Structure formats: structure tokens, C-alpha cells
Amino acid sequence: MSKYSRAAVVAASIVLAVTGGAVAQQPQSANMTFFITSVGSPFGADFGGIEGADRHCQVLATRVGAGGKTWRAYLSTQAVDGKPAINARDRIGKGPWVNSAGVQIAASVEDLHSANNKINTENGRSENGRMIPSRLFVVNQHDILTGTLADGTAPPPDKDMTCGNWTKGGNDGSAMVGHHDRMGLRDDEASKSWNASHPSRGCNASSLVSTGGAGLLYCFAAN
């Protein structure tokens, strides 16, 4: 299956999983410009490439009436085969970003990548306004896929940290994840990082679940 076919399957699966064919809902906040996806890809970290991840965000936003904005997944890609890296921080717009409850997450790209951003258990909500299960929940889903370093830039190309630039969904490869709840096994900066906490054990769904994830993404309105 080509990456374009996989991306189409991902988009169709999202619609069925989230709505079962129901009509679009209105977003919790008409000004929503940030959310964490309520569902992941059926192929783990494989979205058919970064464009497929963007479509994932766009489909979910559309289902809650926020599809008029251009949504981008907060993901980086690594340099490969002569193609330059893509930095997550460079593709999400300028801000400010507000969640579904109307809370400002960050005022700018610089603010987002500082200790001042407001991403946490309470504010890291899905497109439908629900809190994403944190480390304090029975089912932990705090690992959010980013493939990104703490400053929002792409990792060097020497080691796969983006699950093959979001085209791998098997045991091989790895992706950097962040903790939306700012909690981990230790009281250190990595454990508390929202975008660069640790690499995943693999790229398939079971590997992502094994460390407390569900293949979820951060989505930002770029306009």
C-alpha cells in the first residue's frame, strides 16, 4: 500500500472512529486553534507521511466544526535522500493558540517552546473538549508523537526518531514523544517535556501503547 493510500485509509478510519457517520459538532470554543487528537492512526506512527498527519488533524477539526482553519500536525521530519529536514516549529503558524476551552496555550512559537507554555493535563484537550488520559489515569495516553527536539527542530539524521518520517508502522524504527501531562518516571526535564521526553519502543500501535501512548498528535492552526 502506498503512503497516499495509507493516508486515505487513516482519514476514513478517523471519521468512522470518531463519529460513526454523525453530523459535525460545533467546537467547544469557536476560537480553538490547538488540540490533541482524540484518536491515532490504525497504523501506529504511520500516517502515510507528514501530509497524512496534517489530514488527520484536519479531519478531526472538521468533525467539530473547526475545519475552516488550516491544521498542521506538530511533527518534524529528518533529512533523508537529499531532502532537507522539516522542523515542527516552522510549520504551525505564529500563534497565539487556544484550546477548546478557550485557554491560551502559548502566545507565539517562542512562548510555546519556553517554560511558560500551558500544555498540561488540564489544558491538553482533544478537539471535542475531552481531557487526554494522563499518567494518573488507569489507561495512560500521555505519550504524544512529535519526532522533535525540545526546541522544536528536527533530530539529526543518524538515528530514526520519526518512524521513517511517519511512514513506518512496524516494530522497527522509533519516534520521539512528549508528555502532555508533564509527568514521567523521574523528576527531570525530559520526563516533564511536552515535546521531547523519550523515544518510542517501535512504530506499531502496540509499541506506542507499551510506554503510555496511543499514537496521538498535537494539532495547531497555522492561520
N, C-alpha and C. Protein backbone atom coordinates (compact mmCIF):
# COMPACT_ATOMS: atom_id res chain seq x y z
N MET A 1 0.85 -1.20 0.00
CA MET A 1 0.00 0.00 0.00
C MET A 1 0.89 1.24 0.00
N SER A 2 0.64 2.18 -0.91
CA SER A 2 1.44 3.39 -0.98
C SER A 2 1.13 4.29 0.20
N LYS A 3 2.03 5.27 0.43
CA LYS A 3 1.80 6.18 1.55
C LYS A 3 0.53 7.00 1.34
N TYR A 4 0.18 7.27 0.08
CA TYR A 4 -1.03 8.04 -0.20
C TYR A 4 -2.28 7.22 0.10
N SER A 5 -2.22 5.91 -0.21
CA SER A 5 -3.34 5.03 0.11
C SER A 5 -3.51 4.90 1.61
N ARG A 6 -2.38 4.77 2.33
CA ARG A 6 -2.46 4.65 3.78
C ARG A 6 -3.04 5.91 4.39
N ALA A 7 -2.64 7.06 3.87
CA ALA A 7 -3.17 8.32 4.39
C ALA A 7 -4.67 8.40 4.19
N ALA A 8 -5.16 7.91 3.05
CA ALA A 8 -6.60 7.92 2.79
C ALA A 8 -7.33 6.99 3.75
N VAL A 9 -6.74 5.82 4.01
CA VAL A 9 -7.34 4.88 4.96
C VAL A 9 -7.37 5.48 6.35
N VAL A 10 -6.29 6.15 6.74
CA VAL A 10 -6.25 6.80 8.05
C VAL A 10 -7.38 7.80 8.18
N ALA A 11 -7.55 8.65 7.16
CA ALA A 11 -8.60 9.67 7.21
C ALA A 11 -9.98 9.04 7.32
N ALA A 12 -10.23 7.99 6.55
CA ALA A 12 -11.53 7.32 6.60
C ALA A 12 -11.76 6.67 7.95
N SER A 13 -10.71 6.08 8.51
CA SER A 13 -10.83 5.42 9.81
C SER A 13 -11.16 6.41 10.91
N ILE A 14 -10.58 7.60 10.81
CA ILE A 14 -10.84 8.63 11.82
C ILE A 14 -12.31 9.00 11.84
N VAL A 15 -12.87 9.22 10.66
CA VAL A 15 -14.28 9.61 10.57
C VAL A 15 -15.16 8.55 11.21
N LEU A 16 -14.91 7.29 10.92
CA LEU A 16 -15.72 6.20 11.47
C LEU A 16 -15.53 6.07 12.96
N ALA A 17 -14.29 6.18 13.42
CA ALA A 17 -14.00 6.01 14.84
C ALA A 17 -14.58 7.12 15.69
N VAL A 18 -14.52 8.34 15.17
CA VAL A 18 -14.96 9.48 15.97
C VAL A 18 -16.45 9.70 15.92
N THR A 19 -17.07 9.49 14.75
CA THR A 19 -18.46 9.89 14.61
C THR A 19 -19.41 8.77 14.25
N GLY A 20 -18.91 7.73 13.65
CA GLY A 20 -19.80 6.69 13.15
C GLY A 20 -20.78 7.23 12.13
N GLY A 21 -20.38 8.32 11.45
CA GLY A 21 -21.24 8.90 10.41
C GLY A 21 -22.11 10.04 10.93
N ALA A 22 -21.92 10.46 12.17
CA ALA A 22 -22.73 11.54 12.74
C ALA A 22 -22.38 12.87 12.09
N VAL A 23 -23.28 13.83 12.20
CA VAL A 23 -23.04 15.15 11.63
C VAL A 23 -22.00 15.87 12.47
N ALA A 24 -21.39 16.90 11.87
CA ALA A 24 -20.34 17.65 12.56
C ALA A 24 -20.89 18.35 13.79
N GLN A 25 -20.06 18.35 14.84
CA GLN A 25 -20.40 19.05 16.06
C GLN A 25 -19.76 20.43 16.02
N GLN A 26 -20.24 21.33 16.84
CA GLN A 26 -19.60 22.63 16.98
C GLN A 26 -18.46 22.51 17.98
N PRO A 27 -17.32 23.18 17.72
CA PRO A 27 -16.21 23.10 18.66
C PRO A 27 -16.59 23.73 20.00
N GLN A 28 -15.92 23.30 21.05
CA GLN A 28 -16.17 23.85 22.38
C GLN A 28 -15.90 25.36 22.38
N SER A 29 -14.90 25.79 21.64
CA SER A 29 -14.60 27.20 21.50
C SER A 29 -14.47 27.52 20.03
N ALA A 30 -15.18 28.55 19.58
CA ALA A 30 -15.12 28.93 18.17
C ALA A 30 -13.72 29.38 17.79
N ASN A 31 -12.92 29.77 18.78
CA ASN A 31 -11.57 30.26 18.53
C ASN A 31 -10.51 29.18 18.69
N MET A 32 -10.90 27.92 18.82
CA MET A 32 -9.94 26.83 19.04
C MET A 32 -8.89 26.79 17.94
N THR A 33 -7.62 26.83 18.36
CA THR A 33 -6.51 26.76 17.42
C THR A 33 -5.47 25.73 17.85
N PHE A 34 -5.80 24.93 18.85
CA PHE A 34 -4.89 23.87 19.33
C PHE A 34 -5.72 22.73 19.90
N PHE A 35 -5.32 21.51 19.61
CA PHE A 35 -5.90 20.36 20.28
C PHE A 35 -4.98 19.16 20.16
N ILE A 36 -5.23 18.16 20.98
CA ILE A 36 -4.57 16.87 20.87
C ILE A 36 -5.58 15.93 20.24
N THR A 37 -5.16 15.14 19.29
CA THR A 37 -6.10 14.27 18.59
C THR A 37 -6.75 13.27 19.54
N SER A 38 -8.03 13.05 19.37
CA SER A 38 -8.75 12.11 20.22
C SER A 38 -8.47 10.66 19.84
N VAL A 39 -8.01 10.44 18.62
CA VAL A 39 -7.68 9.09 18.14
C VAL A 39 -6.37 9.16 17.36
N GLY A 40 -5.71 8.01 17.26
CA GLY A 40 -4.49 7.91 16.47
C GLY A 40 -4.75 7.23 15.15
N SER A 41 -3.68 6.88 14.48
CA SER A 41 -3.77 6.16 13.21
C SER A 41 -3.92 4.67 13.47
N PRO A 42 -4.68 3.94 12.65
CA PRO A 42 -4.76 2.49 12.80
C PRO A 42 -3.44 1.80 12.48
N PHE A 43 -2.49 2.56 11.92
CA PHE A 43 -1.18 2.01 11.56
C PHE A 43 -0.09 2.50 12.51
N GLY A 44 -0.42 2.82 13.73
CA GLY A 44 0.58 3.28 14.68
C GLY A 44 1.09 4.66 14.32
N ALA A 45 2.41 4.77 14.09
CA ALA A 45 3.01 6.06 13.74
C ALA A 45 3.05 6.30 12.24
N ASP A 46 2.48 5.40 11.48
CA ASP A 46 2.44 5.52 10.02
C ASP A 46 1.19 6.28 9.60
N PHE A 47 1.41 7.52 9.15
CA PHE A 47 0.31 8.36 8.66
C PHE A 47 0.38 8.53 7.15
N GLY A 48 1.28 7.75 6.51
CA GLY A 48 1.49 7.96 5.08
C GLY A 48 2.30 9.22 4.81
N GLY A 49 3.13 9.61 5.79
CA GLY A 49 3.93 10.82 5.66
C GLY A 49 3.35 11.97 6.46
N ILE A 50 4.08 13.05 6.53
CA ILE A 50 3.65 14.20 7.33
C ILE A 50 2.38 14.83 6.78
N GLU A 51 2.18 14.74 5.47
CA GLU A 51 0.95 15.29 4.89
C GLU A 51 -0.27 14.52 5.38
N GLY A 52 -0.12 13.21 5.55
CA GLY A 52 -1.21 12.41 6.09
C GLY A 52 -1.53 12.77 7.53
N ALA A 53 -0.50 13.12 8.30
CA ALA A 53 -0.72 13.55 9.68
C ALA A 53 -1.48 14.87 9.71
N ASP A 54 -1.15 15.76 8.78
CA ASP A 54 -1.90 17.02 8.68
C ASP A 54 -3.37 16.75 8.37
N ARG A 55 -3.63 15.81 7.46
CA ARG A 55 -5.01 15.46 7.13
C ARG A 55 -5.73 14.88 8.34
N HIS A 56 -5.02 14.11 9.13
CA HIS A 56 -5.57 13.56 10.37
C HIS A 56 -6.11 14.71 11.24
N CYS A 57 -5.28 15.73 11.44
CA CYS A 57 -5.71 16.90 12.22
C CYS A 57 -6.89 17.60 11.56
N GLN A 58 -6.82 17.77 10.25
CA GLN A 58 -7.87 18.50 9.52
C GLN A 58 -9.21 17.78 9.61
N VAL A 59 -9.19 16.46 9.47
CA VAL A 59 -10.44 15.69 9.54
C VAL A 59 -11.09 15.82 10.91
N LEU A 60 -10.29 15.67 11.95
CA LEU A 60 -10.84 15.77 13.31
C LEU A 60 -11.39 17.17 13.58
N ALA A 61 -10.66 18.19 13.14
CA ALA A 61 -11.13 19.56 13.34
C ALA A 61 -12.44 19.79 12.58
N THR A 62 -12.53 19.25 11.39
CA THR A 62 -13.74 19.42 10.58
C THR A 62 -14.95 18.79 11.25
N ARG A 63 -14.76 17.65 11.91
CA ARG A 63 -15.87 16.96 12.56
C ARG A 63 -16.47 17.76 13.71
N VAL A 64 -15.71 18.71 14.25
CA VAL A 64 -16.26 19.54 15.33
C VAL A 64 -16.49 20.98 14.86
N GLY A 65 -16.55 21.17 13.56
CA GLY A 65 -16.89 22.49 13.03
C GLY A 65 -15.75 23.47 12.95
N ALA A 66 -14.50 22.99 13.06
CA ALA A 66 -13.34 23.88 13.02
C ALA A 66 -12.50 23.65 11.78
N GLY A 67 -13.10 23.11 10.74
CA GLY A 67 -12.36 22.78 9.53
C GLY A 67 -12.03 23.96 8.64
N GLY A 68 -12.51 25.15 8.99
CA GLY A 68 -12.21 26.32 8.18
C GLY A 68 -10.78 26.81 8.34
N LYS A 69 -10.09 26.31 9.35
CA LYS A 69 -8.69 26.68 9.57
C LYS A 69 -7.79 25.65 8.90
N THR A 70 -6.55 26.03 8.66
CA THR A 70 -5.55 25.10 8.12
C THR A 70 -4.79 24.48 9.28
N TRP A 71 -5.00 23.18 9.49
CA TRP A 71 -4.43 22.49 10.65
C TRP A 71 -3.16 21.74 10.27
N ARG A 72 -2.18 21.83 11.14
CA ARG A 72 -0.90 21.15 10.94
C ARG A 72 -0.57 20.30 12.17
N ALA A 73 -0.07 19.12 11.91
CA ALA A 73 0.42 18.27 12.99
C ALA A 73 1.77 18.79 13.46
N TYR A 74 1.96 18.81 14.78
CA TYR A 74 3.25 19.23 15.33
C TYR A 74 4.21 18.05 15.20
N LEU A 75 4.82 17.94 14.03
CA LEU A 75 5.77 16.87 13.73
C LEU A 75 6.95 17.43 12.96
N SER A 76 8.10 16.83 13.18
CA SER A 76 9.27 17.11 12.36
C SER A 76 9.54 15.93 11.45
N THR A 77 10.31 16.15 10.40
CA THR A 77 10.84 15.06 9.59
C THR A 77 12.35 15.22 9.52
N GLN A 78 13.05 14.10 9.37
CA GLN A 78 14.50 14.11 9.31
C GLN A 78 15.00 14.17 7.87
N ALA A 79 16.18 14.74 7.69
CA ALA A 79 16.78 14.80 6.36
C ALA A 79 17.06 13.39 5.86
N VAL A 80 16.65 13.10 4.62
CA VAL A 80 16.86 11.78 4.04
C VAL A 80 16.83 11.87 2.52
N ASP A 81 17.69 11.10 1.87
CA ASP A 81 17.72 11.01 0.40
C ASP A 81 17.79 12.38 -0.27
N GLY A 82 18.59 13.26 0.31
CA GLY A 82 18.77 14.58 -0.27
C GLY A 82 17.67 15.57 0.05
N LYS A 83 16.64 15.13 0.74
CA LYS A 83 15.55 16.04 1.13
C LYS A 83 15.86 16.65 2.49
N PRO A 84 15.67 17.96 2.65
CA PRO A 84 16.00 18.60 3.92
C PRO A 84 15.02 18.24 5.02
N ALA A 85 15.47 18.41 6.24
CA ALA A 85 14.60 18.18 7.39
C ALA A 85 13.51 19.25 7.45
N ILE A 86 12.42 18.91 8.12
CA ILE A 86 11.34 19.86 8.39
C ILE A 86 11.22 20.00 9.90
N ASN A 87 11.23 21.22 10.38
CA ASN A 87 11.10 21.48 11.81
C ASN A 87 9.65 21.71 12.20
N ALA A 88 9.19 21.04 13.23
CA ALA A 88 7.81 21.20 13.67
C ALA A 88 7.49 22.66 13.97
N ARG A 89 8.41 23.37 14.57
CA ARG A 89 8.15 24.75 14.98
C ARG A 89 7.94 25.69 13.79
N ASP A 90 8.42 25.29 12.62
CA ASP A 90 8.35 26.17 11.45
C ASP A 90 7.08 25.98 10.62
N ARG A 91 6.20 25.06 11.02
CA ARG A 91 5.07 24.71 10.16
C ARG A 91 3.72 24.92 10.82
N ILE A 92 3.68 25.50 12.01
CA ILE A 92 2.42 25.58 12.76
C ILE A 92 1.86 26.99 12.87
N GLY A 93 2.42 27.93 12.12
CA GLY A 93 1.95 29.29 12.22
C GLY A 93 2.68 30.08 13.29
N LYS A 94 2.14 31.23 13.63
CA LYS A 94 2.80 32.14 14.57
C LYS A 94 2.13 32.23 15.93
N GLY A 95 0.90 31.67 16.07
CA GLY A 95 0.18 31.81 17.31
C GLY A 95 -0.58 33.13 17.36
N PRO A 96 -1.28 33.43 18.45
CA PRO A 96 -1.41 32.56 19.64
C PRO A 96 -2.31 31.36 19.37
N TRP A 97 -2.22 30.38 20.29
CA TRP A 97 -3.02 29.16 20.18
C TRP A 97 -3.88 28.97 21.42
N VAL A 98 -5.13 28.62 21.17
CA VAL A 98 -6.12 28.49 22.23
C VAL A 98 -6.75 27.11 22.15
N ASN A 99 -6.98 26.48 23.30
CA ASN A 99 -7.59 25.14 23.28
C ASN A 99 -9.11 25.22 23.19
N SER A 100 -9.77 24.08 23.24
CA SER A 100 -11.22 24.02 23.06
C SER A 100 -11.98 24.68 24.20
N ALA A 101 -11.32 24.88 25.34
CA ALA A 101 -11.95 25.54 26.48
C ALA A 101 -11.69 27.04 26.50
N GLY A 102 -10.96 27.53 25.49
CA GLY A 102 -10.67 28.96 25.42
C GLY A 102 -9.43 29.39 26.17
N VAL A 103 -8.64 28.43 26.65
CA VAL A 103 -7.41 28.74 27.39
C VAL A 103 -6.25 28.92 26.41
N GLN A 104 -5.53 30.02 26.54
CA GLN A 104 -4.37 30.23 25.67
C GLN A 104 -3.23 29.32 26.08
N ILE A 105 -2.78 28.51 25.13
CA ILE A 105 -1.68 27.57 25.36
C ILE A 105 -0.34 28.27 25.24
N ALA A 106 -0.21 29.11 24.24
CA ALA A 106 1.02 29.87 24.02
C ALA A 106 0.71 31.06 23.13
N ALA A 107 1.49 32.13 23.32
CA ALA A 107 1.26 33.35 22.56
C ALA A 107 2.01 33.37 21.24
N SER A 108 3.09 32.59 21.15
CA SER A 108 3.94 32.62 19.97
C SER A 108 4.75 31.33 19.91
N VAL A 109 5.50 31.15 18.84
CA VAL A 109 6.36 29.98 18.71
C VAL A 109 7.40 29.96 19.83
N GLU A 110 7.95 31.12 20.13
CA GLU A 110 8.95 31.20 21.20
C GLU A 110 8.32 30.87 22.55
N ASP A 111 7.12 31.36 22.79
CA ASP A 111 6.42 31.08 24.04
C ASP A 111 6.10 29.60 24.16
N LEU A 112 5.71 28.98 23.06
CA LEU A 112 5.39 27.56 23.06
C LEU A 112 6.59 26.72 23.46
N HIS A 113 7.77 27.14 23.05
CA HIS A 113 8.98 26.38 23.33
C HIS A 113 9.73 26.92 24.54
N SER A 114 9.00 27.55 25.43
CA SER A 114 9.56 28.04 26.69
C SER A 114 8.84 27.37 27.85
N ALA A 115 9.32 27.61 29.05
CA ALA A 115 8.69 27.04 30.24
C ALA A 115 7.34 27.68 30.53
N ASN A 116 6.99 28.71 29.76
CA ASN A 116 5.76 29.45 30.01
C ASN A 116 4.53 28.83 29.35
N ASN A 117 4.71 27.87 28.43
CA ASN A 117 3.53 27.34 27.74
C ASN A 117 2.63 26.60 28.72
N LYS A 118 1.35 26.51 28.37
CA LYS A 118 0.33 25.99 29.30
C LYS A 118 -0.15 24.58 28.94
N ILE A 119 0.66 23.83 28.23
CA ILE A 119 0.28 22.45 27.92
C ILE A 119 0.45 21.60 29.18
N ASN A 120 -0.64 21.01 29.63
CA ASN A 120 -0.62 20.13 30.81
C ASN A 120 -1.88 19.26 30.77
N THR A 121 -2.08 18.49 31.83
CA THR A 121 -3.23 17.57 31.87
C THR A 121 -4.55 18.31 31.67
N GLU A 122 -4.71 19.43 32.34
CA GLU A 122 -5.97 20.17 32.29
C GLU A 122 -6.18 20.83 30.93
N ASN A 123 -5.14 21.38 30.37
CA ASN A 123 -5.28 22.16 29.14
C ASN A 123 -5.02 21.39 27.86
N GLY A 124 -4.40 20.22 27.97
CA GLY A 124 -4.12 19.42 26.78
C GLY A 124 -5.34 18.63 26.37
N ARG A 125 -6.31 19.29 25.80
CA ARG A 125 -7.61 18.67 25.49
C ARG A 125 -7.72 18.29 24.02
N SER A 126 -8.62 17.35 23.77
CA SER A 126 -8.86 16.92 22.40
C SER A 126 -9.74 17.93 21.67
N GLU A 127 -9.96 17.68 20.39
CA GLU A 127 -10.80 18.56 19.58
C GLU A 127 -12.24 18.62 20.09
N ASN A 128 -12.69 17.58 20.78
CA ASN A 128 -14.05 17.57 21.32
C ASN A 128 -14.12 18.03 22.77
N GLY A 129 -13.02 18.56 23.28
CA GLY A 129 -13.01 19.14 24.62
C GLY A 129 -12.68 18.19 25.74
N ARG A 130 -12.44 16.92 25.42
CA ARG A 130 -12.16 15.95 26.47
C ARG A 130 -10.69 15.98 26.87
N MET A 131 -10.44 15.70 28.15
CA MET A 131 -9.06 15.59 28.62
C MET A 131 -8.44 14.30 28.11
N ILE A 132 -7.17 14.36 27.73
CA ILE A 132 -6.44 13.17 27.29
C ILE A 132 -5.93 12.45 28.54
N PRO A 133 -6.17 11.13 28.65
CA PRO A 133 -5.73 10.39 29.84
C PRO A 133 -4.24 10.57 30.11
N SER A 134 -3.93 10.93 31.34
CA SER A 134 -2.55 11.18 31.73
C SER A 134 -1.98 10.00 32.51
N ARG A 135 -0.80 10.19 33.04
CA ARG A 135 -0.14 9.14 33.82
C ARG A 135 -0.93 8.79 35.08
N LEU A 136 -1.80 9.67 35.52
CA LEU A 136 -2.59 9.43 36.73
C LEU A 136 -3.85 8.63 36.44
N PHE A 137 -4.14 8.39 35.16
CA PHE A 137 -5.32 7.62 34.78
C PHE A 137 -5.00 6.13 34.72
N VAL A 138 -6.04 5.30 34.76
CA VAL A 138 -5.84 3.85 34.64
C VAL A 138 -5.22 3.52 33.29
N VAL A 139 -5.73 4.14 32.24
CA VAL A 139 -5.15 3.99 30.90
C VAL A 139 -4.38 5.27 30.59
N ASN A 140 -3.08 5.14 30.45
CA ASN A 140 -2.22 6.30 30.23
C ASN A 140 -1.98 6.52 28.74
N GLN A 141 -2.28 7.72 28.26
CA GLN A 141 -2.04 8.06 26.86
C GLN A 141 -1.24 9.36 26.74
N HIS A 142 -0.31 9.57 27.67
CA HIS A 142 0.38 10.86 27.70
C HIS A 142 1.51 10.99 26.68
N ASP A 143 1.93 9.89 26.05
CA ASP A 143 2.96 9.96 25.01
C ASP A 143 2.35 10.52 23.73
N ILE A 144 2.77 11.72 23.34
CA ILE A 144 2.26 12.35 22.12
C ILE A 144 3.39 12.36 21.08
N LEU A 145 3.12 11.85 19.90
CA LEU A 145 4.13 11.78 18.85
C LEU A 145 4.57 13.18 18.41
N THR A 146 5.89 13.38 18.32
CA THR A 146 6.42 14.66 17.83
C THR A 146 7.59 14.49 16.86
N GLY A 147 8.46 13.51 17.10
CA GLY A 147 9.67 13.38 16.29
C GLY A 147 10.53 14.63 16.31
N THR A 148 10.58 15.27 17.46
CA THR A 148 11.11 16.62 17.55
C THR A 148 11.99 16.80 18.78
N LEU A 149 13.00 17.66 18.69
CA LEU A 149 13.81 18.03 19.83
C LEU A 149 13.08 19.09 20.65
N ALA A 150 13.59 19.37 21.85
CA ALA A 150 12.89 20.27 22.77
C ALA A 150 12.68 21.67 22.20
N ASP A 151 13.58 22.12 21.33
CA ASP A 151 13.44 23.46 20.76
C ASP A 151 12.54 23.50 19.52
N GLY A 152 11.94 22.35 19.19
CA GLY A 152 11.02 22.30 18.06
C GLY A 152 11.66 21.99 16.73
N THR A 153 12.96 21.64 16.74
CA THR A 153 13.65 21.33 15.50
C THR A 153 13.76 19.82 15.29
N ALA A 154 14.07 19.43 14.07
CA ALA A 154 14.17 18.02 13.72
C ALA A 154 15.44 17.39 14.30
N PRO A 155 15.39 16.12 14.66
CA PRO A 155 16.59 15.43 15.13
C PRO A 155 17.58 15.24 13.98
N PRO A 156 18.86 15.03 14.29
CA PRO A 156 19.83 14.72 13.23
C PRO A 156 19.47 13.41 12.55
N PRO A 157 19.99 13.18 11.34
CA PRO A 157 19.55 12.02 10.56
C PRO A 157 20.22 10.70 10.91
N ASP A 158 21.10 10.68 11.92
CA ASP A 158 21.86 9.47 12.19
C ASP A 158 21.04 8.35 12.80
N LYS A 159 19.93 8.67 13.44
CA LYS A 159 19.09 7.66 14.09
C LYS A 159 17.62 8.00 13.83
N ASP A 160 16.84 7.00 13.47
CA ASP A 160 15.42 7.23 13.18
C ASP A 160 14.67 7.65 14.44
N MET A 161 14.16 8.87 14.43
CA MET A 161 13.38 9.39 15.55
C MET A 161 12.02 9.89 15.08
N THR A 162 11.65 9.52 13.85
CA THR A 162 10.37 9.97 13.28
C THR A 162 9.61 8.82 12.62
N CYS A 163 9.93 7.59 13.01
CA CYS A 163 9.31 6.41 12.39
C CYS A 163 9.31 6.53 10.86
N GLY A 164 10.54 6.74 10.35
CA GLY A 164 10.68 6.84 8.89
C GLY A 164 9.92 8.00 8.30
N ASN A 165 9.99 9.14 9.02
CA ASN A 165 9.23 10.33 8.58
C ASN A 165 7.75 10.01 8.42
N TRP A 166 7.25 9.27 9.42
CA TRP A 166 5.83 8.97 9.58
C TRP A 166 5.29 8.05 8.49
N THR A 167 6.17 7.07 8.10
CA THR A 167 5.75 6.06 7.13
C THR A 167 5.96 4.64 7.65
N LYS A 168 6.44 4.49 8.88
CA LYS A 168 6.66 3.16 9.45
C LYS A 168 5.59 2.84 10.49
N GLY A 169 5.08 1.62 10.43
CA GLY A 169 4.07 1.19 11.40
C GLY A 169 4.35 -0.19 11.94
N GLY A 170 5.65 -0.57 11.96
CA GLY A 170 6.04 -1.90 12.43
C GLY A 170 6.89 -1.83 13.68
N ASN A 171 7.62 -2.92 13.94
CA ASN A 171 8.47 -2.98 15.13
C ASN A 171 9.74 -2.15 14.98
N ASP A 172 10.20 -1.97 13.75
CA ASP A 172 11.44 -1.24 13.55
C ASP A 172 11.20 0.26 13.58
N GLY A 173 12.25 1.00 13.90
CA GLY A 173 12.14 2.44 13.97
C GLY A 173 11.67 2.93 15.32
N SER A 174 11.66 4.23 15.47
CA SER A 174 11.26 4.86 16.73
C SER A 174 10.86 6.29 16.45
N ALA A 175 10.10 6.87 17.37
CA ALA A 175 9.70 8.27 17.25
C ALA A 175 9.83 8.95 18.61
N MET A 176 10.34 10.16 18.60
CA MET A 176 10.37 10.94 19.83
C MET A 176 8.94 11.29 20.22
N VAL A 177 8.66 11.19 21.51
CA VAL A 177 7.35 11.56 22.03
C VAL A 177 7.51 12.57 23.17
N GLY A 178 6.47 13.33 23.43
CA GLY A 178 6.43 14.24 24.56
C GLY A 178 5.32 13.84 25.51
N HIS A 179 5.38 14.35 26.74
CA HIS A 179 4.37 14.06 27.75
C HIS A 179 3.46 15.27 27.93
N HIS A 180 2.23 15.16 27.47
CA HIS A 180 1.33 16.32 27.57
C HIS A 180 0.99 16.64 29.02
N ASP A 181 1.12 15.65 29.92
CA ASP A 181 0.80 15.88 31.33
C ASP A 181 1.99 16.37 32.14
N ARG A 182 3.15 16.47 31.50
CA ARG A 182 4.40 16.95 32.11
C ARG A 182 4.83 16.07 33.27
N MET A 183 4.55 14.77 33.17
CA MET A 183 4.93 13.81 34.21
C MET A 183 5.62 12.61 33.60
N GLY A 184 6.53 12.00 34.38
CA GLY A 184 7.20 10.80 33.93
C GLY A 184 7.69 9.98 35.11
N LEU A 185 8.61 9.07 34.84
CA LEU A 185 9.13 8.20 35.89
C LEU A 185 10.09 8.93 36.81
N ARG A 186 10.66 10.04 36.35
CA ARG A 186 11.62 10.80 37.15
C ARG A 186 11.22 12.27 37.18
N ASP A 187 11.79 12.98 38.13
CA ASP A 187 11.54 14.41 38.24
C ASP A 187 12.66 15.17 37.52
N ASP A 188 12.71 15.01 36.20
CA ASP A 188 13.73 15.69 35.42
C ASP A 188 13.08 16.37 34.22
N GLU A 189 13.86 17.16 33.50
CA GLU A 189 13.32 17.94 32.40
C GLU A 189 12.76 17.07 31.29
N ALA A 190 13.44 15.97 30.99
CA ALA A 190 12.95 15.09 29.92
C ALA A 190 11.59 14.51 30.26
N SER A 191 11.42 14.05 31.49
CA SER A 191 10.14 13.46 31.90
C SER A 191 9.02 14.48 31.83
N LYS A 192 9.36 15.74 32.06
CA LYS A 192 8.35 16.80 32.08
C LYS A 192 8.19 17.52 30.74
N SER A 193 8.93 17.07 29.74
CA SER A 193 8.89 17.75 28.45
C SER A 193 7.62 17.40 27.68
N TRP A 194 6.96 18.39 27.15
CA TRP A 194 5.73 18.18 26.38
C TRP A 194 6.02 17.68 24.96
N ASN A 195 7.26 17.88 24.48
CA ASN A 195 7.54 17.52 23.08
C ASN A 195 8.77 16.65 22.87
N ALA A 196 9.58 16.40 23.88
CA ALA A 196 10.82 15.62 23.69
C ALA A 196 11.17 14.87 24.96
N SER A 197 10.35 13.90 25.31
CA SER A 197 10.57 13.17 26.55
C SER A 197 11.42 11.91 26.36
N HIS A 198 11.07 11.07 25.39
CA HIS A 198 11.82 9.83 25.15
C HIS A 198 11.40 9.23 23.81
N PRO A 199 12.22 8.36 23.24
CA PRO A 199 11.83 7.68 22.00
C PRO A 199 10.88 6.53 22.28
N SER A 200 10.02 6.24 21.33
CA SER A 200 9.10 5.11 21.47
C SER A 200 9.87 3.80 21.29
N ARG A 201 9.25 2.69 21.69
CA ARG A 201 9.88 1.38 21.55
C ARG A 201 9.79 0.83 20.13
N GLY A 202 8.94 1.37 19.35
CA GLY A 202 8.73 0.93 17.97
C GLY A 202 7.73 1.87 17.33
N CYS A 203 7.22 1.47 16.18
CA CYS A 203 6.31 2.34 15.44
C CYS A 203 4.90 1.78 15.29
N ASN A 204 4.68 0.53 15.69
CA ASN A 204 3.33 -0.02 15.60
C ASN A 204 2.50 0.38 16.82
N ALA A 205 1.21 0.14 16.73
CA ALA A 205 0.30 0.58 17.79
C ALA A 205 0.64 -0.03 19.14
N SER A 206 0.98 -1.31 19.17
CA SER A 206 1.27 -1.96 20.45
C SER A 206 2.52 -1.40 21.09
N SER A 207 3.52 -1.04 20.30
CA SER A 207 4.74 -0.43 20.84
C SER A 207 4.44 0.93 21.44
N LEU A 208 3.59 1.70 20.80
CA LEU A 208 3.23 3.02 21.31
C LEU A 208 2.44 2.90 22.61
N VAL A 209 1.55 1.93 22.67
CA VAL A 209 0.75 1.71 23.89
C VAL A 209 1.64 1.27 25.04
N SER A 210 2.69 0.52 24.76
CA SER A 210 3.51 -0.09 25.81
C SER A 210 4.20 0.92 26.71
N THR A 211 4.44 2.14 26.22
CA THR A 211 5.07 3.15 27.06
C THR A 211 4.10 4.26 27.47
N GLY A 212 2.82 4.07 27.22
CA GLY A 212 1.84 5.05 27.66
C GLY A 212 1.38 6.00 26.58
N GLY A 213 1.13 5.47 25.40
CA GLY A 213 0.67 6.31 24.30
C GLY A 213 -0.45 5.67 23.51
N ALA A 214 -0.95 6.40 22.53
CA ALA A 214 -1.99 5.89 21.64
C ALA A 214 -1.81 6.44 20.23
N GLY A 215 -0.59 6.90 19.92
CA GLY A 215 -0.33 7.46 18.60
C GLY A 215 -1.01 8.79 18.37
N LEU A 216 -1.21 9.56 19.44
CA LEU A 216 -1.89 10.85 19.31
C LEU A 216 -0.92 11.94 18.87
N LEU A 217 -1.49 13.04 18.36
CA LEU A 217 -0.71 14.16 17.84
C LEU A 217 -1.17 15.47 18.46
N TYR A 218 -0.26 16.44 18.51
CA TYR A 218 -0.63 17.83 18.76
C TYR A 218 -1.00 18.45 17.42
N CYS A 219 -2.10 19.18 17.37
CA CYS A 219 -2.53 19.87 16.15
C CYS A 219 -2.64 21.36 16.41
N PHE A 220 -2.09 22.16 15.50
CA PHE A 220 -2.11 23.62 15.62
C PHE A 220 -2.69 24.23 14.36
N ALA A 221 -3.49 25.27 14.52
CA ALA A 221 -3.99 26.02 13.37
C ALA A 221 -2.88 26.94 12.91
N ALA A 222 -2.51 26.82 11.63
CA ALA A 222 -1.40 27.61 11.10
C ALA A 222 -1.84 28.97 10.58
N ASN A 223 -3.15 29.22 10.54
CA ASN A 223 -3.64 30.50 10.04
C ASN A 223 -4.65 31.11 11.00
